[in-house]
Amino acid sequence: IFQNWIFLGCKKKMINKSVRVSPFTILIIVPVFVATTNYLLMRCNCPCDADSKNNLRSNIVQKVENALLLREETSTAVEEEVVDHDKGGKSETYSSSCGEKESVLIETYGRSIGSKLATMAEKNLCLSFKQLSKFSLAKKKVMTWVQSRSAGELETLLYGSPNQNNFAVAVNDDYAYLHVFKNGGTTVNRVTKHGHTKNTELENQKLFTTVRDPIDHFLSGWAECGYRSENPDDDPAFTLDVGIDERIESWMDCVKAFTKGGKDLCTPCAKHSYPQANFMLNPGQEKWLHPSLDMVGDLKELNGMLEMAGFTGDLEESKSARAASDNAVKVERYPNDKSLLSDKTLQLICDFVKLDYFLFDFEPPAACVDQLQSDIAAIEELSS
């Protein structure tokens, strides 16, 4: 028994030091395992030569180590409490899966955003944590780059704020939800039981909103407008007589025509496929973002973002909100599936929605990386 305990002690380096295991616990557990196994070996007349016992001992030790390592992996996935001794021993709680200590966040992002990020981490809103952190660090340098563009370049970068008059849903006295079309606005209407608030009627509320994958958002707008179309088979953007790449190319021509004032050339529904960043522009000063925009989160965590904004109502209504995946027509005629698109079509969409990739935390398709890289380099160079 003593030899087996020493054997385990010699292999202690294989056990992560962060796992708190008392030597007395080892002293008790391992000998019990070994004694019990030896007893069973004798009872069943198993060979008890040195090699057999060594193999058995190795198996026992490996199982103990695996159990200890499993315990460690499990513990790192749950919420931790960290004591910051620089703050006189005051504890700071955060989720190790998506955040740092609040003091570090405040130092990096400032008190307002840092505190919000810490709260997101505590609530395990890791996707929204990523969006707000990226947006907070990127917005100034990205919009500075936007302002440096020529008039011709801006025509293919900014398309105006598509909903200047009806763009927010009041959540409470402190916050209103900035309605980016196809990003959960109808759900917020239903949950809050509030309609849209005109820009001129918005008082002192701060704004928050949610974002989603830029190409998914563009395709969702295409599906919405195709579903609303009275004669989809007569429209080259919606007909099933051509392939999906041809339909998306026609839809892009339509959306771009509408952004340039061609309301007779495309349905007003086209604004549903606008880049998400365009919904956040400051009406009348569209080279800059809305000054009241305070939080950006991920659409997948919409309920959590409502709670971040202080909404205390019933969120059960959000479970019955409409979703494109529940609409058979949209699923069959207008699939939201990037894998069905050619590289050329993906690049066409990426160029249209590139501000979304610059401001928010989404990975572009591999086909788009090179074409976006030159602008990213220009943004970094301008801000350095």
Protein backbone atom coordinates (compact mmCIF):
# COMPACT_ATOMS: atom_id res chain seq x y z
CA ILE A 1 0.00 0.00 0.00
CA PHE A 2 2.81 2.39 0.93
CA GLN A 3 4.56 1.68 -2.39
CA ASN A 4 1.41 2.45 -4.34
CA TRP A 5 0.97 5.76 -2.51
CA ILE A 6 4.60 6.69 -3.30
CA PHE A 7 4.00 5.68 -6.92
CA LEU A 8 1.10 8.12 -7.22
CA GLY A 9 3.11 10.84 -5.52
CA CYS A 10 5.90 10.43 -8.09
CA LYS A 11 3.37 11.11 -10.84
CA LYS A 12 1.91 14.23 -9.25
CA LYS A 13 3.12 16.44 -12.11
CA MET A 14 0.48 14.85 -14.29
CA ILE A 15 -2.20 16.30 -12.04
CA ASN A 16 -2.96 19.99 -12.57
CA LYS A 17 -1.80 21.90 -9.52
CA SER A 18 -4.95 24.04 -9.52
CA VAL A 19 -7.01 21.03 -8.39
CA ARG A 20 -7.10 21.04 -4.61
CA VAL A 21 -6.54 17.41 -3.49
CA SER A 22 -5.41 16.75 0.06
CA PRO A 23 -2.46 14.33 0.46
CA PHE A 24 -4.48 12.67 3.20
CA THR A 25 -7.28 12.07 0.71
CA ILE A 26 -4.80 10.39 -1.63
CA LEU A 27 -3.38 8.41 1.27
CA ILE A 28 -6.84 7.03 2.00
CA ILE A 29 -8.31 6.60 -1.52
CA VAL A 30 -5.43 4.96 -3.36
CA PRO A 31 -4.65 2.23 -0.79
CA VAL A 32 -8.35 1.37 -0.62
CA PHE A 33 -8.44 1.01 -4.41
CA VAL A 34 -5.33 -1.13 -4.44
CA ALA A 35 -6.34 -3.31 -1.46
CA THR A 36 -9.79 -3.93 -2.92
CA THR A 37 -8.38 -4.81 -6.32
CA ASN A 38 -5.79 -7.17 -4.85
CA TYR A 39 -8.54 -8.89 -2.87
CA LEU A 40 -10.63 -9.34 -6.02
CA LEU A 41 -7.62 -10.65 -7.91
CA MET A 42 -7.06 -13.32 -5.29
CA ARG A 43 -10.76 -14.22 -5.16
CA CYS A 44 -10.96 -14.81 -8.87
CA ASN A 45 -7.56 -16.57 -9.08
CA CYS A 46 -6.20 -13.94 -11.43
CA PRO A 47 -2.44 -13.91 -12.04
CA CYS A 48 -0.68 -11.87 -9.40
CA ASP A 49 2.75 -11.60 -10.97
CA ALA A 50 4.64 -8.31 -10.85
CA ASP A 51 3.78 -7.25 -14.40
CA SER A 52 0.06 -7.80 -13.86
CA LYS A 53 0.09 -5.83 -10.63
CA ASN A 54 2.06 -3.00 -12.25
CA ASN A 55 -0.41 -2.81 -15.15
CA LEU A 56 -3.32 -2.84 -12.74
CA ARG A 57 -1.70 -0.14 -10.64
CA SER A 58 -1.13 2.03 -13.74
CA ASN A 59 -4.77 1.66 -14.75
CA ILE A 60 -5.93 2.65 -11.27
CA VAL A 61 -3.68 5.72 -11.19
CA GLN A 62 -4.81 6.76 -14.67
CA LYS A 63 -8.46 6.57 -13.66
CA VAL A 64 -7.82 8.66 -10.55
CA GLU A 65 -5.96 11.26 -12.58
CA ASN A 66 -8.71 11.36 -15.23
CA ALA A 67 -11.30 11.95 -12.54
CA LEU A 68 -9.28 14.79 -11.06
CA LEU A 69 -8.71 16.41 -14.46
CA LEU A 70 -12.41 16.11 -15.30
CA ARG A 71 -13.21 17.89 -12.06
CA GLU A 72 -10.84 20.70 -13.02
CA GLU A 73 -12.29 21.11 -16.53
CA THR A 74 -15.79 21.25 -15.13
CA SER A 75 -14.86 23.85 -12.55
CA THR A 76 -13.33 26.22 -15.14
CA ALA A 77 -16.61 26.37 -17.04
CA VAL A 78 -18.64 27.72 -14.15
CA GLU A 79 -18.68 31.15 -12.59
CA GLU A 80 -15.59 32.02 -10.57
CA GLU A 81 -15.01 34.53 -7.83
CA VAL A 82 -11.71 36.37 -7.96
CA VAL A 83 -10.36 38.45 -5.11
CA ASP A 84 -8.58 41.58 -6.25
CA HIS A 85 -6.06 42.33 -3.51
CA ASP A 86 -5.36 45.73 -5.03
CA LYS A 87 -8.89 46.65 -4.02
CA GLY A 88 -8.42 45.68 -0.42
CA GLY A 89 -9.68 42.17 -0.90
CA LYS A 90 -12.99 43.15 -2.53
CA SER A 91 -14.23 40.29 -4.68
CA GLU A 92 -15.19 40.65 -8.32
CA THR A 93 -17.42 38.02 -9.89
CA TYR A 94 -17.36 37.26 -13.59
CA SER A 95 -17.82 34.39 -16.00
CA SER A 96 -14.46 33.01 -16.99
CA SER A 97 -15.95 31.90 -20.31
CA CYS A 98 -16.46 35.41 -21.72
CA GLY A 99 -14.95 38.17 -19.59
CA GLU A 100 -12.26 39.65 -17.44
CA LYS A 101 -12.41 41.32 -14.06
CA GLU A 102 -14.53 44.45 -13.95
CA SER A 103 -11.53 46.59 -13.03
CA VAL A 104 -9.70 45.43 -16.18
CA LEU A 105 -12.75 46.07 -18.35
CA ILE A 106 -13.21 49.58 -16.95
CA GLU A 107 -9.54 50.34 -17.54
CA THR A 108 -9.80 49.17 -21.16
CA TYR A 109 -13.22 50.48 -22.18
CA GLY A 110 -14.02 53.22 -19.66
CA ARG A 111 -16.39 53.01 -16.71
CA SER A 112 -19.69 53.06 -18.63
CA ILE A 113 -18.92 50.36 -21.20
CA GLY A 114 -16.65 48.41 -18.84
CA SER A 115 -19.44 48.07 -16.26
CA LYS A 116 -21.88 46.92 -18.94
CA LEU A 117 -19.42 44.33 -20.20
CA ALA A 118 -18.90 43.06 -16.66
CA THR A 119 -22.67 42.71 -16.24
CA MET A 120 -22.91 40.84 -19.55
CA ALA A 121 -20.19 38.49 -18.36
CA GLU A 122 -22.02 37.87 -15.07
CA LYS A 123 -25.20 37.09 -17.02
CA ASN A 124 -23.24 34.84 -19.38
CA LEU A 125 -24.19 36.96 -22.40
CA CYS A 126 -20.94 36.06 -24.11
CA LEU A 127 -22.09 36.76 -27.68
CA SER A 128 -23.28 40.22 -26.71
CA PHE A 129 -20.07 40.74 -24.74
CA LYS A 130 -18.13 40.20 -27.97
CA GLN A 131 -20.37 42.55 -29.95
CA LEU A 132 -20.24 45.43 -27.48
CA SER A 133 -16.50 45.13 -26.91
CA LYS A 134 -15.74 45.10 -30.67
CA PHE A 135 -18.20 47.90 -31.41
CA SER A 136 -16.87 50.11 -28.58
CA LEU A 137 -13.28 49.82 -29.75
CA ALA A 138 -14.00 50.04 -33.48
CA LYS A 139 -16.70 52.69 -33.90
CA LYS A 140 -14.55 55.81 -33.62
CA LYS A 141 -11.81 54.70 -35.98
CA VAL A 142 -14.25 53.13 -38.46
CA MET A 143 -16.43 56.23 -38.66
CA THR A 144 -13.35 58.46 -38.88
CA TRP A 145 -12.32 56.38 -41.89
CA VAL A 146 -15.84 56.76 -43.32
CA GLN A 147 -15.60 60.54 -43.06
CA SER A 148 -12.32 60.47 -44.98
CA ARG A 149 -13.90 58.78 -47.99
CA SER A 150 -14.68 60.63 -51.20
CA ALA A 151 -18.25 61.32 -52.27
CA GLY A 152 -18.04 58.56 -54.85
CA GLU A 153 -16.83 56.04 -52.30
CA LEU A 154 -19.56 57.00 -49.85
CA GLU A 155 -22.19 56.07 -52.43
CA THR A 156 -21.15 52.45 -52.03
CA LEU A 157 -20.64 52.66 -48.27
CA LEU A 158 -23.48 54.68 -46.73
CA TYR A 159 -27.04 54.30 -47.90
CA GLY A 160 -28.81 56.61 -45.50
CA SER A 161 -30.74 55.82 -42.36
CA PRO A 162 -33.70 53.75 -43.63
CA ASN A 163 -36.14 54.47 -40.80
CA GLN A 164 -35.59 58.02 -39.59
CA ASN A 165 -39.21 58.56 -38.53
CA ASN A 166 -40.02 55.19 -36.96
CA PHE A 167 -36.92 53.71 -35.55
CA ALA A 168 -37.26 52.90 -31.87
CA VAL A 169 -39.42 50.99 -29.40
CA ALA A 170 -39.63 52.40 -25.88
CA VAL A 171 -38.66 49.78 -23.28
CA ASN A 172 -38.75 52.02 -20.19
CA ASP A 173 -37.82 55.55 -19.17
CA ASP A 174 -34.13 54.79 -19.60
CA TYR A 175 -33.89 52.79 -22.81
CA ALA A 176 -35.49 52.40 -26.23
CA TYR A 177 -34.76 49.55 -28.63
CA LEU A 178 -33.28 50.72 -31.95
CA HIS A 179 -35.21 48.72 -34.51
CA VAL A 180 -32.84 47.24 -37.07
CA PHE A 181 -35.20 45.53 -39.50
CA LYS A 182 -35.08 41.71 -39.35
CA ASN A 183 -33.34 41.78 -35.97
CA GLY A 184 -36.10 41.12 -33.48
CA GLY A 185 -38.04 44.40 -33.57
CA THR A 186 -41.41 42.66 -33.87
CA THR A 187 -40.54 40.56 -30.82
CA VAL A 188 -39.69 43.69 -28.83
CA ASN A 189 -43.01 45.25 -29.93
CA ARG A 190 -44.85 42.20 -28.67
CA VAL A 191 -42.96 41.85 -25.40
CA THR A 192 -43.08 45.53 -24.42
CA LYS A 193 -46.55 46.09 -25.93
CA HIS A 194 -45.18 49.34 -27.38
CA GLY A 195 -45.21 50.50 -30.98
CA HIS A 196 -42.55 52.47 -32.79
CA THR A 197 -41.52 55.86 -31.46
CA LYS A 198 -40.71 58.64 -33.89
CA ASN A 199 -37.29 60.13 -33.70
CA THR A 200 -38.70 63.50 -32.73
CA GLU A 201 -40.68 61.95 -29.87
CA LEU A 202 -37.75 60.12 -28.30
CA GLU A 203 -36.91 62.03 -25.14
CA ASN A 204 -33.91 61.18 -23.01
CA GLN A 205 -33.85 57.42 -23.49
CA LYS A 206 -30.60 55.81 -24.50
CA LEU A 207 -30.67 53.35 -27.37
CA PHE A 208 -29.67 49.71 -27.52
CA THR A 209 -29.95 47.21 -30.34
CA THR A 210 -28.97 43.73 -31.51
CA VAL A 211 -27.07 42.51 -34.56
CA ARG A 212 -26.67 39.25 -36.45
CA ASP A 213 -24.41 37.77 -39.13
CA PRO A 214 -24.32 40.41 -41.94
CA ILE A 215 -24.98 38.02 -44.82
CA ASP A 216 -27.73 36.23 -42.89
CA HIS A 217 -29.31 39.64 -42.29
CA PHE A 218 -29.18 40.57 -45.99
CA LEU A 219 -30.72 37.25 -47.02
CA SER A 220 -33.41 37.58 -44.35
CA GLY A 221 -34.43 40.90 -45.90
CA TRP A 222 -34.57 39.27 -49.32
CA ALA A 223 -36.80 36.50 -47.96
CA GLU A 224 -39.09 38.99 -46.21
CA CYS A 225 -39.62 41.01 -49.36
CA GLY A 226 -40.09 37.92 -51.51
CA TYR A 227 -42.71 36.67 -49.07
CA ARG A 228 -44.51 40.02 -49.22
CA SER A 229 -44.40 40.19 -53.02
CA GLU A 230 -47.78 39.78 -54.70
CA ASN A 231 -46.26 38.35 -57.89
CA PRO A 232 -42.92 36.76 -56.96
CA ASP A 233 -42.80 34.64 -60.11
CA ASP A 234 -42.74 37.82 -62.23
CA ASP A 235 -39.82 39.33 -60.32
CA PRO A 236 -36.30 38.26 -61.31
CA ALA A 237 -35.23 38.57 -57.66
CA PHE A 238 -37.85 36.11 -56.45
CA THR A 239 -38.75 33.77 -59.31
CA LEU A 240 -37.76 30.12 -59.11
CA ASP A 241 -37.07 30.03 -62.86
CA VAL A 242 -33.42 30.97 -62.25
CA GLY A 243 -30.78 29.89 -59.75
CA ILE A 244 -30.25 31.44 -56.35
CA ASP A 245 -27.13 33.36 -57.42
CA GLU A 246 -29.05 35.06 -60.21
CA ARG A 247 -31.89 35.91 -57.87
CA ILE A 248 -29.57 37.42 -55.25
CA GLU A 249 -27.77 39.46 -57.90
CA SER A 250 -31.12 40.86 -59.11
CA TRP A 251 -32.11 41.63 -55.53
CA MET A 252 -28.84 43.45 -54.92
CA ASP A 253 -29.44 45.60 -58.03
CA CYS A 254 -32.90 46.39 -56.69
CA VAL A 255 -31.68 47.33 -53.19
CA LYS A 256 -28.91 49.54 -54.53
CA ALA A 257 -31.34 51.27 -56.87
CA PHE A 258 -33.64 52.00 -53.95
CA THR A 259 -30.79 53.44 -51.86
CA LYS A 260 -30.10 55.93 -54.65
CA GLY A 261 -33.70 57.11 -54.69
CA GLY A 262 -35.00 54.71 -57.30
CA LYS A 263 -38.25 54.03 -55.51
CA ASP A 264 -39.91 53.27 -58.84
CA LEU A 265 -37.26 50.65 -59.57
CA CYS A 266 -37.55 48.65 -56.37
CA THR A 267 -40.01 48.01 -53.58
CA PRO A 268 -39.63 50.08 -50.37
CA CYS A 269 -39.27 46.70 -48.67
CA ALA A 270 -35.68 46.77 -49.93
CA LYS A 271 -34.63 48.61 -46.78
CA HIS A 272 -34.93 45.30 -44.91
CA SER A 273 -31.68 44.25 -46.57
CA TYR A 274 -29.81 47.45 -45.74
CA PRO A 275 -26.55 46.96 -43.82
CA GLN A 276 -27.28 46.94 -40.10
CA ALA A 277 -24.86 49.81 -39.50
CA ASN A 278 -27.07 52.07 -41.61
CA PHE A 279 -29.89 51.76 -39.10
CA MET A 280 -27.53 53.19 -36.50
CA LEU A 281 -26.54 56.32 -38.40
CA ASN A 282 -27.46 59.67 -36.96
CA PRO A 283 -30.30 61.07 -39.11
CA GLY A 284 -29.15 64.26 -40.77
CA GLN A 285 -25.51 63.55 -39.90
CA GLU A 286 -25.10 60.20 -41.56
CA LYS A 287 -21.34 60.10 -41.49
CA TRP A 288 -21.61 59.36 -37.79
CA LEU A 289 -23.48 56.96 -35.54
CA HIS A 290 -26.46 57.97 -33.44
CA PRO A 291 -25.09 59.68 -30.30
CA SER A 292 -27.65 57.98 -28.04
CA LEU A 293 -26.62 54.45 -29.06
CA ASP A 294 -25.42 52.97 -25.78
CA MET A 295 -25.38 49.17 -26.16
CA VAL A 296 -25.06 46.67 -28.99
CA GLY A 297 -25.73 43.00 -28.34
CA ASP A 298 -26.26 39.78 -30.26
CA LEU A 299 -29.70 38.92 -31.59
CA LYS A 300 -29.35 35.39 -30.18
CA GLU A 301 -29.37 36.98 -26.72
CA LEU A 302 -32.25 39.41 -27.27
CA ASN A 303 -33.97 38.51 -23.99
CA GLY A 304 -30.76 39.06 -22.07
CA MET A 305 -30.29 42.44 -23.75
CA LEU A 306 -33.81 43.45 -22.74
CA GLU A 307 -32.92 42.59 -19.16
CA MET A 308 -29.68 44.57 -19.51
CA ALA A 309 -31.82 47.56 -20.46
CA GLY A 310 -33.87 47.13 -17.29
CA PHE A 311 -36.96 45.52 -18.80
CA THR A 312 -38.85 43.72 -16.03
CA GLY A 313 -41.89 42.49 -17.95
CA ASP A 314 -42.83 39.00 -19.07
CA LEU A 315 -40.47 37.62 -21.73
CA GLU A 316 -42.64 34.60 -22.50
CA GLU A 317 -44.07 36.43 -25.51
CA SER A 318 -40.65 36.29 -27.16
CA LYS A 319 -40.95 32.50 -27.44
CA SER A 320 -43.94 32.80 -29.75
CA ALA A 321 -42.42 35.51 -31.93
CA ARG A 322 -42.35 34.87 -35.64
CA ALA A 323 -39.24 33.29 -37.13
CA ALA A 324 -38.31 32.69 -40.76
CA SER A 325 -37.54 29.06 -39.94
CA ASP A 326 -41.23 28.62 -39.08
CA ASN A 327 -42.35 30.01 -42.45
CA ALA A 328 -42.52 27.24 -45.06
CA VAL A 329 -42.61 29.68 -47.97
CA LYS A 330 -39.45 31.48 -46.85
CA VAL A 331 -37.64 28.23 -46.17
CA GLU A 332 -38.50 26.71 -49.55
CA ARG A 333 -38.26 29.73 -51.85
CA TYR A 334 -35.71 31.93 -50.06
CA PRO A 335 -33.22 29.74 -48.19
CA ASN A 336 -30.92 31.57 -45.78
CA ASP A 337 -27.95 29.35 -46.48
CA LYS A 338 -24.55 30.81 -47.40
CA SER A 339 -23.32 27.40 -48.58
CA LEU A 340 -25.68 27.65 -51.57
CA LEU A 341 -24.03 30.85 -52.82
CA SER A 342 -21.07 31.11 -55.16
CA ASP A 343 -17.94 32.98 -54.09
CA LYS A 344 -18.86 35.77 -56.50
CA THR A 345 -22.26 36.24 -54.86
CA LEU A 346 -20.78 36.13 -51.37
CA GLN A 347 -18.25 38.81 -52.37
CA LEU A 348 -21.05 40.94 -53.82
CA ILE A 349 -22.93 40.87 -50.51
CA CYS A 350 -19.80 41.34 -48.39
CA ASP A 351 -18.92 44.51 -50.30
CA PHE A 352 -22.42 45.87 -49.67
CA VAL A 353 -22.46 45.10 -45.93
CA LYS A 354 -18.77 45.63 -45.15
CA LEU A 355 -19.44 48.29 -42.50
CA ASP A 356 -21.15 45.56 -40.49
CA TYR A 357 -17.98 43.47 -40.58
CA PHE A 358 -15.88 46.46 -39.54
CA LEU A 359 -18.09 47.41 -36.58
CA PHE A 360 -19.36 44.06 -35.29
CA ASP A 361 -17.79 40.77 -34.27
CA PHE A 362 -18.61 38.42 -37.15
CA GLU A 363 -16.27 36.33 -39.28
CA PRO A 364 -16.68 36.95 -43.02
CA PRO A 365 -16.73 33.96 -45.39
CA ALA A 366 -13.32 32.87 -46.63
CA ALA A 367 -14.21 34.20 -50.08
CA CYS A 368 -14.51 37.73 -48.66
CA VAL A 369 -11.45 37.98 -46.43
CA ASP A 370 -9.02 39.37 -49.03
CA GLN A 371 -11.42 41.99 -50.40
CA LEU A 372 -12.12 43.35 -46.90
CA GLN A 373 -8.52 43.32 -45.77
CA SER A 374 -7.41 46.42 -47.69
CA ASP A 375 -10.09 48.58 -46.05
CA ILE A 376 -9.30 47.11 -42.62
CA ALA A 377 -5.64 48.01 -43.14
CA ALA A 378 -6.63 51.55 -44.17
CA ILE A 379 -8.77 51.93 -41.04
CA GLU A 380 -5.94 50.81 -38.79
CA GLU A 381 -3.43 53.03 -40.55
CA LEU A 382 -5.66 56.08 -40.23
CA SER A 383 -6.16 55.48 -36.51
CA SER A 384 -2.50 54.82 -35.71
